[in-house]
Amino acid sequence: VNIVTPVKPRTPASVSSQKRRLDLDGGSAAGTPSSQKRKRDSGPVTSFTADDSLLGIIRTKPSAISMAVKQWWDDYHKNSAAAVRKLTNMVLQVAGISNGLPPHCFAEEDDERDVDDYIRQLVETSAAGENEMAMHMTGSNKQSKKFRENFSDFWDKFVAHAPESELISLHDNPFCPWLHAMSTSQLMILRLVAVVAGL
């Protein structure tokens, strides 16, 4: 039986700890010389448009991840339900669930919604975990490893670029119940993706 422990989203403390490790190691958590890190970071930043999906940016435009995360936080303060839907559906897409959840699932006036039921019903009616994106989460080839690095980097930046007011109560963000529901899903690949997002 494959068991993936439910997770809580990344916390500011974990990011601070990571930054301290970077300082101690001279610019790299893995001990990579700072000169090499500067060389990797010196390339041009890829721009993105409103038509680019979060998944597309993670997959093909990793240098634009920071900009995409900042834009997500801006969008969140304008329309939190739409922003949370976008983020939730991105996680579902990575797990191979391409149809996603409709807007009414995220309606703030829906006081009786059960996010666990929404996720369970979607998984039961989807051909999940069989497409290329899901394969990247378990594959051993170079492309899969790079995708996983980009996906993890997205969530590091998600916390790093969160407004200070949000960091104080990040676990109260309306995305968190969706992340928890996905991390306890009956679909193993979805649990894995949610765990990576929450580490």
C-alpha atoms as a PDB file:
ATOM      1  CA  VAL A   1       0.000   0.000   0.000  1.00  0.00           C
ATOM      2  CA  ASN A   2       1.451   3.354  -1.038  1.00  0.00           C
ATOM      3  CA  ILE A   3       0.941   5.980   1.658  1.00  0.00           C
ATOM      4  CA  VAL A   4       1.721   9.625   1.277  1.00  0.00           C
ATOM      5  CA  THR A   5       1.369  11.662   4.450  1.00  0.00           C
ATOM      6  CA  PRO A   6      -0.935  14.701   4.237  1.00  0.00           C
ATOM      7  CA  VAL A   7       1.082  17.867   4.248  1.00  0.00           C
ATOM      8  CA  LYS A   8       0.860  21.454   5.292  1.00  0.00           C
ATOM      9  CA  PRO A   9       1.961  24.144   2.817  1.00  0.00           C
ATOM     10  CA  ARG A  10       5.456  25.573   3.048  1.00  0.00           C
ATOM     11  CA  THR A  11       5.943  28.061   5.837  1.00  0.00           C
ATOM     12  CA  PRO A  12       7.950  31.263   6.061  1.00  0.00           C
ATOM     13  CA  ALA A  13      10.192  29.522   8.592  1.00  0.00           C
ATOM     14  CA  SER A  14      11.173  26.873   6.074  1.00  0.00           C
ATOM     15  CA  VAL A  15      12.069  29.554   3.548  1.00  0.00           C
ATOM     16  CA  SER A  16      14.107  31.469   6.122  1.00  0.00           C
ATOM     17  CA  SER A  17      15.929  28.263   7.003  1.00  0.00           C
ATOM     18  CA  GLN A  18      16.657  27.664   3.351  1.00  0.00           C
ATOM     19  CA  LYS A  19      18.013  31.205   2.997  1.00  0.00           C
ATOM     20  CA  ARG A  20      20.268  30.667   6.020  1.00  0.00           C
ATOM     21  CA  ARG A  21      21.636  27.520   4.387  1.00  0.00           C
ATOM     22  CA  LEU A  22      22.337  29.508   1.243  1.00  0.00           C
ATOM     23  CA  ASP A  23      24.313  32.073   3.237  1.00  0.00           C
ATOM     24  CA  LEU A  24      26.310  29.441   5.088  1.00  0.00           C
ATOM     25  CA  ASP A  25      27.158  27.561   1.930  1.00  0.00           C
ATOM     26  CA  GLY A  26      28.308  30.609   0.039  1.00  0.00           C
ATOM     27  CA  GLY A  27      25.310  30.975  -2.225  1.00  0.00           C
ATOM     28  CA  SER A  28      24.011  27.433  -2.700  1.00  0.00           C
ATOM     29  CA  ALA A  29      22.046  25.006  -0.525  1.00  0.00           C
ATOM     30  CA  ALA A  30      24.010  22.156  -2.060  1.00  0.00           C
ATOM     31  CA  GLY A  31      27.388  23.859  -1.657  1.00  0.00           C
ATOM     32  CA  THR A  32      27.601  25.005  -5.268  1.00  0.00           C
ATOM     33  CA  PRO A  33      30.154  27.819  -5.625  1.00  0.00           C
ATOM     34  CA  SER A  34      28.517  31.232  -5.744  1.00  0.00           C
ATOM     35  CA  SER A  35      30.275  32.002  -9.026  1.00  0.00           C
ATOM     36  CA  GLN A  36      28.495  29.070 -10.656  1.00  0.00           C
ATOM     37  CA  LYS A  37      25.168  30.227  -9.239  1.00  0.00           C
ATOM     38  CA  ARG A  38      25.712  33.730 -10.628  1.00  0.00           C
ATOM     39  CA  LYS A  39      26.508  32.205 -13.993  1.00  0.00           C
ATOM     40  CA  ARG A  40      23.240  30.251 -14.009  1.00  0.00           C
ATOM     41  CA  ASP A  41      21.242  33.307 -12.950  1.00  0.00           C
ATOM     42  CA  SER A  42      22.792  35.677 -15.459  1.00  0.00           C
ATOM     43  CA  GLY A  43      20.659  34.560 -18.404  1.00  0.00           C
ATOM     44  CA  PRO A  44      17.788  36.642 -19.757  1.00  0.00           C
ATOM     45  CA  VAL A  45      14.472  36.459 -17.944  1.00  0.00           C
ATOM     46  CA  THR A  46      11.732  35.038 -20.139  1.00  0.00           C
ATOM     47  CA  SER A  47       8.606  37.156 -20.311  1.00  0.00           C
ATOM     48  CA  PHE A  48       5.124  35.710 -20.159  1.00  0.00           C
ATOM     49  CA  THR A  49       1.672  36.802 -21.208  1.00  0.00           C
ATOM     50  CA  ALA A  50      -1.802  36.461 -19.728  1.00  0.00           C
ATOM     51  CA  ASP A  51      -2.339  33.528 -22.076  1.00  0.00           C
ATOM     52  CA  ASP A  52       0.454  31.524 -20.448  1.00  0.00           C
ATOM     53  CA  SER A  53      -0.784  28.987 -17.915  1.00  0.00           C
ATOM     54  CA  LEU A  54       1.059  28.415 -14.656  1.00  0.00           C
ATOM     55  CA  LEU A  55       1.856  24.913 -15.827  1.00  0.00           C
ATOM     56  CA  GLY A  56       3.199  26.190 -19.137  1.00  0.00           C
ATOM     57  CA  ILE A  57       5.495  28.616 -17.344  1.00  0.00           C
ATOM     58  CA  ILE A  58       6.785  25.924 -14.998  1.00  0.00           C
ATOM     59  CA  ARG A  59       7.360  23.600 -17.908  1.00  0.00           C
ATOM     60  CA  THR A  60       8.875  25.856 -20.575  1.00  0.00           C
ATOM     61  CA  LYS A  61       9.629  29.272 -19.046  1.00  0.00           C
ATOM     62  CA  PRO A  62      11.229  28.621 -15.633  1.00  0.00           C
ATOM     63  CA  SER A  63      13.018  31.990 -15.629  1.00  0.00           C
ATOM     64  CA  ALA A  64       9.571  33.627 -15.550  1.00  0.00           C
ATOM     65  CA  ILE A  65       8.383  31.745 -12.466  1.00  0.00           C
ATOM     66  CA  SER A  66       9.089  34.653 -10.108  1.00  0.00           C
ATOM     67  CA  MET A  67       7.074  37.039 -12.270  1.00  0.00           C
ATOM     68  CA  ALA A  68       4.234  34.518 -12.557  1.00  0.00           C
ATOM     69  CA  VAL A  69       4.100  34.064  -8.782  1.00  0.00           C
ATOM     70  CA  LYS A  70       4.052  37.818  -8.171  1.00  0.00           C
ATOM     71  CA  GLN A  71       1.256  38.129 -10.718  1.00  0.00           C
ATOM     72  CA  TRP A  72      -0.681  35.363  -8.969  1.00  0.00           C
ATOM     73  CA  TRP A  73      -0.514  37.235  -5.672  1.00  0.00           C
ATOM     74  CA  ASP A  74      -1.693  40.411  -7.410  1.00  0.00           C
ATOM     75  CA  ASP A  75      -4.574  38.495  -8.974  1.00  0.00           C
ATOM     76  CA  TYR A  76      -5.384  36.902  -5.617  1.00  0.00           C
ATOM     77  CA  HIS A  77      -6.011  40.275  -4.021  1.00  0.00           C
ATOM     78  CA  LYS A  78      -8.289  41.261  -6.909  1.00  0.00           C
ATOM     79  CA  ASN A  79     -10.240  37.989  -7.120  1.00  0.00           C
ATOM     80  CA  SER A  80      -9.211  35.354  -4.595  1.00  0.00           C
ATOM     81  CA  ALA A  81     -11.653  32.687  -5.811  1.00  0.00           C
ATOM     82  CA  ALA A  82     -10.389  32.855  -9.406  1.00  0.00           C
ATOM     83  CA  ALA A  83      -6.745  32.824  -8.276  1.00  0.00           C
ATOM     84  CA  VAL A  84      -7.247  29.822  -5.979  1.00  0.00           C
ATOM     85  CA  ARG A  85      -9.038  27.979  -8.782  1.00  0.00           C
ATOM     86  CA  LYS A  86      -6.118  28.656 -11.121  1.00  0.00           C
ATOM     87  CA  LEU A  87      -3.608  27.333  -8.588  1.00  0.00           C
ATOM     88  CA  THR A  88      -5.675  24.277  -7.688  1.00  0.00           C
ATOM     89  CA  ASN A  89      -6.247  23.319 -11.309  1.00  0.00           C
ATOM     90  CA  MET A  90      -2.525  23.665 -12.014  1.00  0.00           C
ATOM     91  CA  VAL A  91      -1.777  21.069  -9.328  1.00  0.00           C
ATOM     92  CA  LEU A  92      -4.478  18.818 -10.761  1.00  0.00           C
ATOM     93  CA  GLN A  93      -3.007  19.191 -14.257  1.00  0.00           C
ATOM     94  CA  VAL A  94       0.425  18.138 -13.027  1.00  0.00           C
ATOM     95  CA  ALA A  95      -1.236  14.973 -11.702  1.00  0.00           C
ATOM     96  CA  GLY A  96      -2.734  14.307 -15.132  1.00  0.00           C
ATOM     97  CA  ILE A  97      -6.245  15.651 -14.462  1.00  0.00           C
ATOM     98  CA  SER A  98      -6.738  17.993 -17.383  1.00  0.00           C
ATOM     99  CA  ASN A  99     -10.412  18.958 -17.030  1.00  0.00           C
ATOM    100  CA  GLY A 100     -10.043  20.678 -13.647  1.00  0.00           C
ATOM    101  CA  LEU A 101     -12.672  22.171 -11.365  1.00  0.00           C
ATOM    102  CA  PRO A 102     -15.301  24.728 -12.513  1.00  0.00           C
ATOM    103  CA  PRO A 103     -15.620  28.216 -10.968  1.00  0.00           C
ATOM    104  CA  HIS A 104     -18.688  27.411  -8.859  1.00  0.00           C
ATOM    105  CA  CYS A 105     -16.589  25.073  -6.700  1.00  0.00           C
ATOM    106  CA  PHE A 106     -14.668  28.093  -5.443  1.00  0.00           C
ATOM    107  CA  ALA A 107     -17.581  30.463  -4.913  1.00  0.00           C
ATOM    108  CA  GLU A 108     -17.143  32.252  -1.610  1.00  0.00           C
ATOM    109  CA  GLU A 109     -20.881  32.196  -0.963  1.00  0.00           C
ATOM    110  CA  ASP A 110     -20.893  28.374  -1.110  1.00  0.00           C
ATOM    111  CA  ASP A 111     -20.932  27.779   2.637  1.00  0.00           C
ATOM    112  CA  GLU A 112     -21.720  24.070   2.301  1.00  0.00           C
ATOM    113  CA  ARG A 113     -18.951  23.126  -0.092  1.00  0.00           C
ATOM    114  CA  ASP A 114     -16.818  20.141   0.792  1.00  0.00           C
ATOM    115  CA  VAL A 115     -13.471  20.354  -0.955  1.00  0.00           C
ATOM    116  CA  ASP A 116     -12.740  16.689  -0.242  1.00  0.00           C
ATOM    117  CA  ASP A 117     -15.921  15.668  -2.062  1.00  0.00           C
ATOM    118  CA  TYR A 118     -15.102  17.887  -5.020  1.00  0.00           C
ATOM    119  CA  ILE A 119     -11.631  16.348  -5.354  1.00  0.00           C
ATOM    120  CA  ARG A 120     -12.929  12.800  -4.873  1.00  0.00           C
ATOM    121  CA  GLN A 121     -15.648  13.209  -7.498  1.00  0.00           C
ATOM    122  CA  LEU A 122     -13.216  14.756  -9.978  1.00  0.00           C
ATOM    123  CA  VAL A 123     -10.715  11.940  -9.544  1.00  0.00           C
ATOM    124  CA  GLU A 124     -13.419   9.311  -9.949  1.00  0.00           C
ATOM    125  CA  THR A 125     -14.613  10.812 -13.235  1.00  0.00           C
ATOM    126  CA  SER A 126     -11.198  11.605 -14.736  1.00  0.00           C
ATOM    127  CA  ALA A 127      -8.631   9.522 -16.606  1.00  0.00           C
ATOM    128  CA  ALA A 128      -5.981  10.795 -14.236  1.00  0.00           C
ATOM    129  CA  GLY A 129      -2.308  10.045 -13.922  1.00  0.00           C
ATOM    130  CA  GLU A 130      -1.802   8.752 -17.433  1.00  0.00           C
ATOM    131  CA  ASN A 131      -0.618  11.778 -19.407  1.00  0.00           C
ATOM    132  CA  GLU A 132       2.842  13.215 -19.966  1.00  0.00           C
ATOM    133  CA  MET A 133       2.711  15.667 -17.083  1.00  0.00           C
ATOM    134  CA  ALA A 134       1.946  12.973 -14.526  1.00  0.00           C
ATOM    135  CA  MET A 135       4.789  10.875 -15.914  1.00  0.00           C
ATOM    136  CA  HIS A 136       7.207  13.755 -15.272  1.00  0.00           C
ATOM    137  CA  MET A 137       6.565  13.473 -11.530  1.00  0.00           C
ATOM    138  CA  THR A 138       7.855   9.899 -11.434  1.00  0.00           C
ATOM    139  CA  GLY A 139      10.160   9.717 -14.464  1.00  0.00           C
ATOM    140  CA  SER A 140      13.936   9.372 -14.202  1.00  0.00           C
ATOM    141  CA  ASN A 141      14.929  11.069 -17.453  1.00  0.00           C
ATOM    142  CA  LYS A 142      16.527  14.515 -17.594  1.00  0.00           C
ATOM    143  CA  GLN A 143      13.338  16.266 -18.728  1.00  0.00           C
ATOM    144  CA  SER A 144      11.330  14.820 -15.832  1.00  0.00           C
ATOM    145  CA  LYS A 145      13.956  15.772 -13.271  1.00  0.00           C
ATOM    146  CA  LYS A 146      14.081  19.311 -14.633  1.00  0.00           C
ATOM    147  CA  PHE A 147      10.306  19.600 -14.478  1.00  0.00           C
ATOM    148  CA  ARG A 148      10.275  18.490 -10.842  1.00  0.00           C
ATOM    149  CA  GLU A 149      12.961  21.058 -10.030  1.00  0.00           C
ATOM    150  CA  ASN A 150      10.916  23.803 -11.679  1.00  0.00           C
ATOM    151  CA  PHE A 151       7.733  22.668  -9.928  1.00  0.00           C
ATOM    152  CA  SER A 152       9.428  22.728  -6.528  1.00  0.00           C
ATOM    153  CA  ASP A 153      10.987  26.092  -7.331  1.00  0.00           C
ATOM    154  CA  PHE A 154       7.532  27.486  -8.070  1.00  0.00           C
ATOM    155  CA  TRP A 155       6.380  26.723  -4.522  1.00  0.00           C
ATOM    156  CA  ASP A 156       9.568  28.101  -2.968  1.00  0.00           C
ATOM    157  CA  LYS A 157       8.920  31.361  -4.794  1.00  0.00           C
ATOM    158  CA  PHE A 158       5.209  31.197  -3.938  1.00  0.00           C
ATOM    159  CA  VAL A 159       6.134  31.609  -0.280  1.00  0.00           C
ATOM    160  CA  ALA A 160       9.121  33.895  -0.859  1.00  0.00           C
ATOM    161  CA  HIS A 161       7.030  36.406  -2.823  1.00  0.00           C
ATOM    162  CA  ALA A 162       3.955  36.250  -0.613  1.00  0.00           C
ATOM    163  CA  PRO A 163       2.999  39.653   0.839  1.00  0.00           C
ATOM    164  CA  GLU A 164       3.997  40.076   4.461  1.00  0.00           C
ATOM    165  CA  SER A 165       0.358  40.285   5.485  1.00  0.00           C
ATOM    166  CA  GLU A 166      -0.250  36.843   3.957  1.00  0.00           C
ATOM    167  CA  LEU A 167       2.829  35.233   5.518  1.00  0.00           C
ATOM    168  CA  ILE A 168       1.457  35.829   8.983  1.00  0.00           C
ATOM    169  CA  SER A 169      -1.493  33.514   8.296  1.00  0.00           C
ATOM    170  CA  LEU A 170      -0.413  31.528   5.244  1.00  0.00           C
ATOM    171  CA  HIS A 171      -2.123  28.383   6.535  1.00  0.00           C
ATOM    172  CA  ASP A 172      -5.421  30.268   6.477  1.00  0.00           C
ATOM    173  CA  ASN A 173      -5.135  30.925   2.748  1.00  0.00           C
ATOM    174  CA  PRO A 174      -8.213  29.470   0.962  1.00  0.00           C
ATOM    175  CA  PHE A 175      -5.909  27.395  -1.239  1.00  0.00           C
ATOM    176  CA  CYS A 176      -4.770  25.335   1.759  1.00  0.00           C
ATOM    177  CA  PRO A 177      -7.971  23.242   2.159  1.00  0.00           C
ATOM    178  CA  TRP A 178      -7.685  22.281  -1.516  1.00  0.00           C
ATOM    179  CA  LEU A 179      -4.029  21.324  -1.110  1.00  0.00           C
ATOM    180  CA  HIS A 180      -4.864  19.209   1.931  1.00  0.00           C
ATOM    181  CA  ALA A 181      -7.726  17.497   0.096  1.00  0.00           C
ATOM    182  CA  MET A 182      -5.420  16.649  -2.797  1.00  0.00           C
ATOM    183  CA  SER A 183      -2.743  15.327  -0.423  1.00  0.00           C
ATOM    184  CA  THR A 184      -5.290  12.850   1.000  1.00  0.00           C
ATOM    185  CA  SER A 185      -6.760  11.825  -2.360  1.00  0.00           C
ATOM    186  CA  GLN A 186      -7.258   8.187  -3.309  1.00  0.00           C
ATOM    187  CA  LEU A 187      -5.092   8.867  -6.375  1.00  0.00           C
ATOM    188  CA  MET A 188      -1.442   8.271  -5.528  1.00  0.00           C
ATOM    189  CA  ILE A 189       0.019  10.612  -8.162  1.00  0.00           C
ATOM    190  CA  LEU A 190      -2.183  13.456  -6.923  1.00  0.00           C
ATOM    191  CA  ARG A 191      -1.036  12.827  -3.359  1.00  0.00           C
ATOM    192  CA  LEU A 192       2.566  12.934  -4.546  1.00  0.00           C
ATOM    193  CA  VAL A 193       2.101  16.217  -6.422  1.00  0.00           C
ATOM    194  CA  ALA A 194       0.359  17.817  -3.434  1.00  0.00           C
ATOM    195  CA  VAL A 195       3.125  16.668  -1.094  1.00  0.00           C
ATOM    196  CA  VAL A 196       5.776  18.257  -3.317  1.00  0.00           C
ATOM    197  CA  ALA A 197       3.748  21.474  -3.343  1.00  0.00           C
ATOM    198  CA  GLY A 198       3.476  21.502   0.432  1.00  0.00           C
ATOM    199  CA  LEU A 199       7.040  20.583   1.398  1.00  0.00           C
END
